[in-house]
């Protein structure tokens, strides 16, 4: 399914104590980053320094740093057909 999807969006965040209201958020890679790229899917994922140690950002996948960037990049890549 991820290989045939136009855009796969992943936000790998972890909140301390699993509390949604907690503003202390950790961002990093997760298994989905690898599953999507290995299956040939297009991945748009939340940026973290860790991701750069596994992937060539911009070639193997694309990142976003905030909600506005996510929306802009989603619109851009949806229009690329």
Protein backbone atom coordinates (compact mmCIF):
# COMPACT_ATOMS: atom_id res chain seq x y z
CA UNK A 1 0.00 0.00 0.00
CA UNK A 2 2.75 2.51 0.86
CA UNK A 3 4.54 1.74 -2.40
CA UNK A 4 1.50 2.79 -4.43
CA UNK A 5 0.54 5.84 -2.36
CA UNK A 6 1.35 9.22 -3.88
CA UNK A 7 2.67 10.60 -0.56
CA UNK A 8 3.33 8.80 2.72
CA UNK A 9 3.41 11.21 5.66
CA UNK A 10 5.24 10.21 8.82
CA UNK A 11 5.62 12.19 12.01
CA UNK A 12 7.91 10.30 14.32
CA UNK A 13 7.47 12.07 17.60
CA UNK A 14 7.58 10.83 21.13
CA UNK A 15 6.31 12.78 24.09
CA UNK A 16 7.72 12.39 27.57
CA UNK A 17 5.40 10.28 29.72
CA UNK A 18 3.26 9.76 26.58
CA UNK A 19 1.27 12.86 27.56
CA UNK A 20 -0.15 14.67 24.52
CA UNK A 21 -0.21 17.95 26.43
CA UNK A 22 3.48 17.66 27.31
CA UNK A 23 5.43 20.17 25.16
CA UNK A 24 8.72 18.25 25.51
CA UNK A 25 8.83 16.31 22.25
CA UNK A 26 11.57 14.07 20.86
CA UNK A 27 11.84 13.63 17.10
CA UNK A 28 13.75 10.82 15.46
CA UNK A 29 13.59 7.95 13.02
CA UNK A 30 11.21 5.06 13.32
CA UNK A 31 10.61 1.82 11.49
CA UNK A 32 8.11 3.46 9.13
CA UNK A 33 10.91 5.56 7.59
CA UNK A 34 12.59 2.37 6.44
CA UNK A 35 9.43 0.44 5.50
CA UNK A 36 8.21 3.19 3.19
CA UNK A 37 11.51 3.87 1.43
CA UNK A 38 12.34 0.17 0.99
CA UNK A 39 8.95 -0.45 -0.61
CA UNK A 40 9.54 2.35 -3.12
CA UNK A 41 7.07 4.74 -1.56
CA UNK A 42 7.51 8.50 -1.44
CA UNK A 43 8.18 9.54 2.16
CA UNK A 44 7.51 12.98 3.65
CA UNK A 45 8.64 12.79 7.26
CA UNK A 46 9.35 15.06 10.19
CA UNK A 47 12.96 16.34 10.16
CA UNK A 48 15.48 15.18 12.73
CA UNK A 49 19.26 15.16 12.74
CA UNK A 50 19.08 11.41 13.17
CA UNK A 51 17.34 10.96 9.82
CA UNK A 52 20.38 12.37 8.04
CA UNK A 53 22.52 9.51 9.35
CA UNK A 54 20.29 6.97 7.57
CA UNK A 55 19.08 8.73 4.40
CA UNK A 56 20.07 11.26 1.77
CA UNK A 57 17.40 13.86 2.50
CA UNK A 58 15.95 15.23 -0.72
CA UNK A 59 16.94 12.14 -2.71
CA UNK A 60 15.57 9.17 -0.80
CA UNK A 61 12.92 11.10 1.11
CA UNK A 62 11.76 14.62 1.91
CA UNK A 63 11.40 16.21 5.34
CA UNK A 64 9.32 18.95 6.92
CA UNK A 65 10.04 20.97 10.06
CA UNK A 66 6.60 22.35 10.92
CA UNK A 67 2.95 22.15 9.92
CA UNK A 68 3.18 24.98 7.38
CA UNK A 69 6.09 23.29 5.61
CA UNK A 70 4.20 19.98 5.66
CA UNK A 71 1.19 21.57 3.94
CA UNK A 72 3.34 23.40 1.38
CA UNK A 73 5.35 20.31 0.47
CA UNK A 74 2.25 18.12 0.33
CA UNK A 75 0.63 20.54 -2.11
CA UNK A 76 3.80 20.75 -4.18
CA UNK A 77 4.35 17.00 -4.48
CA UNK A 78 0.66 16.31 -5.10
CA UNK A 79 0.78 18.64 -8.08
CA UNK A 80 3.88 16.88 -9.50
CA UNK A 81 2.42 14.18 -11.73
